[in-house]
Amino acid sequence: MRFLARRLVFYIVAAWAALTINFFIPRAMPGNAVQGMMAKFPALSPLAMKALEAEFGTSHSGSLLHQYGTYLINILHGNFGIDLGEYPASVISVLATAIPWTLTLVGVATVTSFVLGTLLGIGAAWRRGGTLEQILPGFILLQATPYFFLALLIIDFLAVRFHLFPGSLGYGVGLVPGWTGAFIFSAIYHSILPATTLVMTTLGGWMLGMRNVMITILGEDYVLAAQAKGLSPRRVVITYAARNAILPNFSAFAMSVGFVISGALVMEVVFSYPGVGLLLYNSVTTDDYPMLQAIFLLVSVAVLVANFISDGVYVILDPRSRREASA
């Protein structure tokens, strides 16, 4: 518990640092979306520009300390300002519509890739020279391939040429989002290609990492002793080898889960998928600072929470961590 308490203090400080950096970065950048809007209407007065900046939350008037205090108070109240791209909608409401799409698609794809890659890595290490180890270079080649390039190839073959799956959007045109059978089926149907792209380009990393660590663990004395006792191969692999070999993979998985909330930026742009990644891209192209601040902060907090949970699970899985924590 003392170990987790220390880690919690560290993550709280890290969250405050992320908040502070998130406050200063937009103010160090030249221009904003309001200035871009005003450039299209040069006849408007400077007072109109100040009024718009105040409404959109992009105003830099007042002392920096006052702006920082107002920023922290607004964040604590869940007020990230007005979204410039969906005016007059609030940033939090626009984010709330994009997050479920990203969590469902990228989250499911990440978990699927991790589970499959870990299991395949265990099998490749246990049966050296087998079929799984022979096809491993193919998975590594897929991981080295930029996933946006692979996505374009998949769209060309499966969507454009053979018309097997839709190549863009998150659901069919004309459907209204809701818990209806037609909408759910359409959403799943539209997510097959982007999810397949993500799994294909990440599976090799999980498989290779698990295989390499498993090979090292299988040579340890306690694994050889378990085999000498006559224990079943399944018990030796799962209980003695895989349980320890999965720890590095699990730490990497915690990091990837934290970044799930940000979505796969290029993939969502390629497929025009209505997730956080596409929202982030549109915000960058329009200088939508309130939305950018909210997304960056959301990603930072998600990574910190995922790592804190990883620390807790790590202590449970690894007895050595418990001994170090109690020392």
Foldseek 3Di string as FASTA:
>chain_A
DLLLVVLVVVLVVLLVVLLVCLLVVLVVDPDFLLVVVCVVPVVDDVVVSQVVCVQQVNDPPDDPVVNSVVSVVCVVVVFLGAFPVPPPHGLVVLQVVFQVLLCVQLVVLLVVLLVLLLVLLLVCQVDPPDPSVVCLVVLVVLLPDPLLVVLVVCCVPCCVPVNPAPQAEQFDPPDDDDPDPRGVVRNVRLSPSLSVSSSSNRNSVSNVQLNVLLNVQCPDPVLVVCVVVVDDPVCSSPVRRSLVSCLVVLLVSLQSQLQSSCHDQSSCVRRVYRHNSVVCVVCVVSRRSSNVSVSSSSSSSSSSVSNSVSLVVSVVSDVVSVVVSVD
